[in-house]
Amino acid sequence: MRKPSILVLGTAHLSNPDNGDLFKIKTGDIFSEQKQLEIAGVVDSLRKFEPTKVALEILPEDSEYINETYNDFLLGKYELTRNEYHQIGFRLAKEVNHKEVFCVDWNSSDPDIPDIELWTKGHSSEKYKQTIKIGEKVFAKTQDFLNNHSIRDSLLYLNHKEFNNENQRFYMNLALVGDNSNPVGAVWTAKYWYYRNLIIYKNIVELIESDTERIFVLYGVGHLHLLNQFLNESGLFNVEKVEDYL
């Protein structure tokens, strides 16, 4: 039986946003001539996937504004920012003649979601300290690689199974922070991190209108492990590999 295909590309946030991430990868001068050529090459390679829709890490409520800017971009009236959904998402959608892009993110606050950093300020937690050291080690190695390699090689690095296993180990260690009376890490991981990615997964799936769909998904690399896990475990899709296109 034919199944829809989905390709998830994990990326660093090219705009270096202050978005609450514990570790922020710096991506350098995206607008340099060399980096623009590298991005163009990546987009050209991703065309081979032949996406029917391009899904982006943007809240659905922003869809109207995002597509207004996308249409202005198509008309040559909008200058792209350094954000990855512009540099890769918009450019890929244009290359395959799409009239719109799709916003599939979820990221809401809830009083039931604990603030782990705030909790650790009032509680000494060796597990939290150890977990941060794990994250810092992965971050430092990743930053060093990205500083010395092309956009294509950097994306291949970020989307490699080994890197994503390391990334997932960080979250699994974070889930152990807390004590029996307040398992703050497990609650945050379940009620925010897993919940958020499950909603994103659901939003991606709802884009599918036929078994011929080929959905390209562009997301911060931290989400890659769970999104691919959910998509694979559903058994509903052909989940394709980034290395087959880059």
Protein backbone atom coordinates (compact mmCIF):
# COMPACT_ATOMS: atom_id res chain seq x y z
CA MET A 1 0.00 0.00 0.00
CA ARG A 2 1.33 3.41 -0.94
CA LYS A 3 2.05 5.78 1.94
CA PRO A 4 2.65 9.54 2.11
CA SER A 5 6.32 10.51 2.50
CA ILE A 6 7.73 12.87 5.10
CA LEU A 7 11.22 14.36 5.34
CA VAL A 8 12.16 16.19 8.55
CA LEU A 9 15.24 18.41 8.36
CA GLY A 10 16.65 19.42 11.74
CA THR A 11 18.53 22.70 11.78
CA ALA A 12 20.20 25.21 14.05
CA HIS A 13 18.23 28.43 14.43
CA LEU A 14 19.99 30.65 11.91
CA SER A 15 18.65 33.85 13.48
CA ASN A 16 20.24 33.03 16.87
CA PRO A 17 16.97 33.85 18.70
CA ASP A 18 16.58 34.40 22.44
CA ASN A 19 13.90 31.70 22.64
CA GLY A 20 14.59 30.16 26.02
CA ASP A 21 16.79 27.32 24.75
CA LEU A 22 19.40 26.33 27.33
CA PHE A 23 22.08 26.07 24.65
CA LYS A 24 22.17 28.38 21.64
CA ILE A 25 24.28 27.54 18.61
CA LYS A 26 25.75 30.59 16.86
CA THR A 27 25.58 30.31 13.10
CA GLY A 28 27.83 33.16 11.93
CA ASP A 29 27.24 35.50 8.99
CA ILE A 30 24.45 33.80 7.05
CA PHE A 31 24.41 36.69 4.55
CA SER A 32 28.03 36.30 3.47
CA GLU A 33 28.44 35.45 -0.20
CA GLN A 34 29.84 32.02 0.65
CA LYS A 35 27.04 31.10 3.06
CA GLN A 36 24.37 32.26 0.63
CA LEU A 37 25.90 30.03 -2.05
CA GLU A 38 25.93 27.13 0.42
CA ILE A 39 22.28 27.65 1.33
CA ALA A 40 21.32 27.84 -2.34
CA GLY A 41 23.10 24.52 -2.87
CA VAL A 42 21.23 22.92 0.03
CA VAL A 43 17.89 24.16 -1.28
CA ASP A 44 18.71 22.86 -4.75
CA SER A 45 19.48 19.42 -3.28
CA LEU A 46 16.26 19.39 -1.23
CA ARG A 47 14.27 20.00 -4.43
CA LYS A 48 14.96 16.35 -5.27
CA PHE A 49 12.54 15.36 -2.50
CA GLU A 50 9.79 17.02 -4.58
CA PRO A 51 7.71 18.22 -1.63
CA THR A 52 3.99 18.81 -2.03
CA LYS A 53 3.94 20.96 1.13
CA VAL A 54 6.55 22.78 3.21
CA ALA A 55 5.87 22.77 6.98
CA LEU A 56 7.61 25.25 9.27
CA GLU A 57 8.29 25.80 12.98
CA ILE A 58 5.78 28.63 13.23
CA LEU A 59 2.54 28.85 15.21
CA PRO A 60 -0.62 28.22 13.12
CA GLU A 61 -2.12 31.49 14.33
CA ASP A 62 0.67 33.31 12.47
CA SER A 63 -0.10 31.55 9.20
CA GLU A 64 -1.88 34.48 7.54
CA TYR A 65 0.99 36.90 8.19
CA ILE A 66 3.63 34.33 7.21
CA ASN A 67 1.93 33.63 3.90
CA GLU A 68 1.52 37.34 3.21
CA THR A 69 5.30 37.71 3.58
CA TYR A 70 5.85 34.56 1.51
CA ASN A 71 3.70 35.94 -1.31
CA ASP A 72 5.56 39.26 -1.12
CA PHE A 73 8.79 37.26 -1.40
CA LEU A 74 7.47 35.54 -4.53
CA LEU A 75 6.71 38.97 -5.99
CA GLY A 76 10.18 40.29 -5.14
CA LYS A 77 8.80 42.70 -2.55
CA TYR A 78 10.15 41.08 0.62
CA GLU A 79 13.76 40.70 1.72
CA LEU A 80 14.37 37.47 3.59
CA THR A 81 15.69 37.61 7.15
CA ARG A 82 18.34 35.21 8.40
CA ASN A 83 15.73 32.92 9.98
CA GLU A 84 15.89 29.33 8.71
CA TYR A 85 12.23 29.30 7.71
CA HIS A 86 13.08 32.12 5.31
CA GLN A 87 16.51 30.97 4.16
CA ILE A 88 15.53 27.33 3.63
CA GLY A 89 11.75 27.06 3.94
CA PHE A 90 10.64 30.01 1.79
CA ARG A 91 13.37 29.42 -0.78
CA LEU A 92 12.53 25.73 -1.15
CA ALA A 93 8.80 26.43 -1.45
CA LYS A 94 9.52 28.98 -4.17
CA GLU A 95 11.79 26.58 -6.06
CA VAL A 96 8.99 23.98 -6.26
CA ASN A 97 6.34 26.61 -7.17
CA HIS A 98 4.23 26.42 -4.02
CA LYS A 99 1.63 29.12 -3.42
CA GLU A 100 1.78 28.82 0.37
CA VAL A 101 3.70 27.40 3.31
CA PHE A 102 2.28 25.68 6.39
CA CYS A 103 2.74 26.53 10.07
CA VAL A 104 2.68 23.52 12.41
CA ASP A 105 4.24 24.58 15.72
CA TRP A 106 2.77 24.53 19.22
CA ASN A 107 4.37 26.33 22.14
CA SER A 108 2.08 27.46 24.94
CA SER A 109 2.62 28.06 28.63
CA ASP A 110 0.56 26.17 31.18
CA PRO A 111 0.48 26.54 34.98
CA ASP A 112 1.06 22.78 35.28
CA ILE A 113 4.41 23.01 33.46
CA PRO A 114 7.22 23.54 36.01
CA ASP A 115 10.17 25.88 35.56
CA ILE A 116 13.16 23.59 36.09
CA GLU A 117 15.71 26.41 36.30
CA LEU A 118 13.62 28.21 38.90
CA TRP A 119 13.23 25.02 40.90
CA THR A 120 17.00 24.42 40.94
CA LYS A 121 17.59 27.88 42.41
CA GLY A 122 15.87 26.73 45.59
CA HIS A 123 17.08 23.12 45.53
CA SER A 124 20.56 21.69 45.21
CA SER A 125 20.42 19.11 42.43
CA GLU A 126 23.46 17.09 41.42
CA LYS A 127 21.45 15.46 38.65
CA TYR A 128 20.67 18.88 37.14
CA LYS A 129 24.34 19.88 37.31
CA GLN A 130 25.37 16.62 35.65
CA THR A 131 22.74 17.06 32.96
CA ILE A 132 23.86 20.59 32.17
CA LYS A 133 27.42 19.28 31.80
CA ILE A 134 26.16 16.70 29.29
CA GLY A 135 24.42 19.46 27.33
CA GLU A 136 27.45 21.74 27.45
CA LYS A 137 29.70 18.98 26.12
CA VAL A 138 27.37 18.25 23.19
CA PHE A 139 26.91 21.98 22.53
CA ALA A 140 30.64 22.75 22.52
CA LYS A 141 31.41 19.90 20.11
CA THR A 142 28.53 20.96 17.84
CA GLN A 143 29.52 24.61 17.85
CA ASP A 144 33.10 23.72 16.95
CA PHE A 145 31.93 21.60 14.02
CA LEU A 146 29.56 24.27 12.67
CA ASN A 147 32.26 26.93 12.96
CA ASN A 148 34.50 24.96 10.61
CA HIS A 149 32.16 23.38 8.07
CA SER A 150 29.74 24.31 5.33
CA ILE A 151 25.97 24.62 5.77
CA ARG A 152 25.50 21.28 3.99
CA ASP A 153 28.01 19.45 6.19
CA SER A 154 26.58 21.11 9.29
CA LEU A 155 23.07 19.94 8.45
CA LEU A 156 24.32 16.41 7.80
CA TYR A 157 26.05 16.50 11.20
CA LEU A 158 22.92 17.74 13.00
CA ASN A 159 20.71 15.15 11.30
CA HIS A 160 23.02 12.20 11.95
CA LYS A 161 21.64 9.47 14.22
CA GLU A 162 24.59 9.70 16.63
CA PHE A 163 24.04 13.41 17.27
CA ASN A 164 20.33 12.96 17.81
CA ASN A 165 20.90 10.08 20.23
CA GLU A 166 23.18 12.37 22.23
CA ASN A 167 20.53 15.07 22.16
CA GLN A 168 17.85 12.66 23.37
CA ARG A 169 20.09 11.47 26.22
CA PHE A 170 20.15 15.05 27.48
CA TYR A 171 16.34 15.13 27.73
CA MET A 172 16.22 11.70 29.35
CA ASN A 173 18.67 12.87 32.01
CA LEU A 174 16.72 16.09 32.48
CA ALA A 175 13.63 13.98 33.20
CA LEU A 176 15.39 12.62 36.31
CA VAL A 177 15.78 16.03 37.98
CA GLY A 178 13.72 16.45 41.13
CA ASP A 179 12.67 14.23 44.01
CA ASN A 180 9.78 11.94 44.91
CA SER A 181 7.67 14.81 46.22
CA ASN A 182 8.33 16.95 43.14
CA PRO A 183 9.61 15.08 40.04
CA VAL A 184 10.04 18.40 38.25
CA GLY A 185 12.12 17.03 35.38
CA ALA A 186 9.73 14.21 34.54
CA VAL A 187 6.73 16.55 34.70
CA TRP A 188 8.39 19.12 32.41
CA THR A 189 9.49 16.44 29.94
CA ALA A 190 6.02 14.87 29.80
CA LYS A 191 3.78 17.92 30.04
CA TYR A 192 5.85 20.26 27.89
CA TRP A 193 8.51 18.57 25.76
CA TYR A 194 6.74 15.37 24.75
CA TYR A 195 3.37 17.08 24.64
CA ARG A 196 4.67 19.85 22.38
CA ASN A 197 6.22 17.41 19.95
CA LEU A 198 3.09 15.26 19.89
CA ILE A 199 1.02 18.31 18.93
CA ILE A 200 3.55 19.20 16.21
CA TYR A 201 3.34 15.60 14.96
CA LYS A 202 -0.45 15.84 14.87
CA ASN A 203 -0.30 19.16 13.00
CA ILE A 204 2.05 17.67 10.39
CA VAL A 205 -0.19 14.64 9.89
CA GLU A 206 -3.24 16.85 9.42
CA LEU A 207 -1.59 18.39 6.34
CA ILE A 208 -1.88 15.10 4.50
CA GLU A 209 -4.71 14.93 1.99
CA SER A 210 -3.69 11.88 -0.06
CA ASP A 211 -1.18 9.03 -0.17
CA THR A 212 0.82 10.98 -2.77
CA GLU A 213 1.73 13.77 -0.34
CA ARG A 214 5.41 14.49 0.23
CA ILE A 215 5.71 16.74 3.28
CA PHE A 216 8.98 18.58 3.95
CA VAL A 217 9.30 19.62 7.60
CA LEU A 218 11.88 22.18 8.78
CA TYR A 219 12.45 22.25 12.55
CA GLY A 220 14.96 23.07 15.26
CA VAL A 221 17.18 20.01 15.56
CA GLY A 222 16.19 19.38 19.18
CA HIS A 223 12.80 18.19 17.92
CA LEU A 224 14.18 15.78 15.33
CA HIS A 225 14.45 12.63 17.46
CA LEU A 226 10.88 12.75 18.74
CA LEU A 227 9.26 13.85 15.48
CA ASN A 228 10.93 11.04 13.56
CA GLN A 229 10.11 8.60 16.36
CA PHE A 230 6.41 9.48 16.30
CA LEU A 231 6.23 9.43 12.50
CA ASN A 232 8.04 6.09 12.25
CA GLU A 233 6.11 4.43 15.05
CA SER A 234 2.77 5.44 13.55
CA GLY A 235 3.43 3.15 10.59
CA LEU A 236 1.48 5.59 8.42
CA PHE A 237 4.33 7.14 6.43
CA ASN A 238 7.54 6.65 4.55
CA VAL A 239 9.92 8.65 6.74
CA GLU A 240 12.80 9.59 4.48
CA LYS A 241 16.41 10.33 5.41
CA VAL A 242 18.12 13.68 5.06
CA GLU A 243 21.39 12.10 3.87
CA ASP A 244 19.59 10.74 0.81
CA TYR A 245 19.09 14.32 -0.39
CA LEU A 246 22.04 16.30 1.01
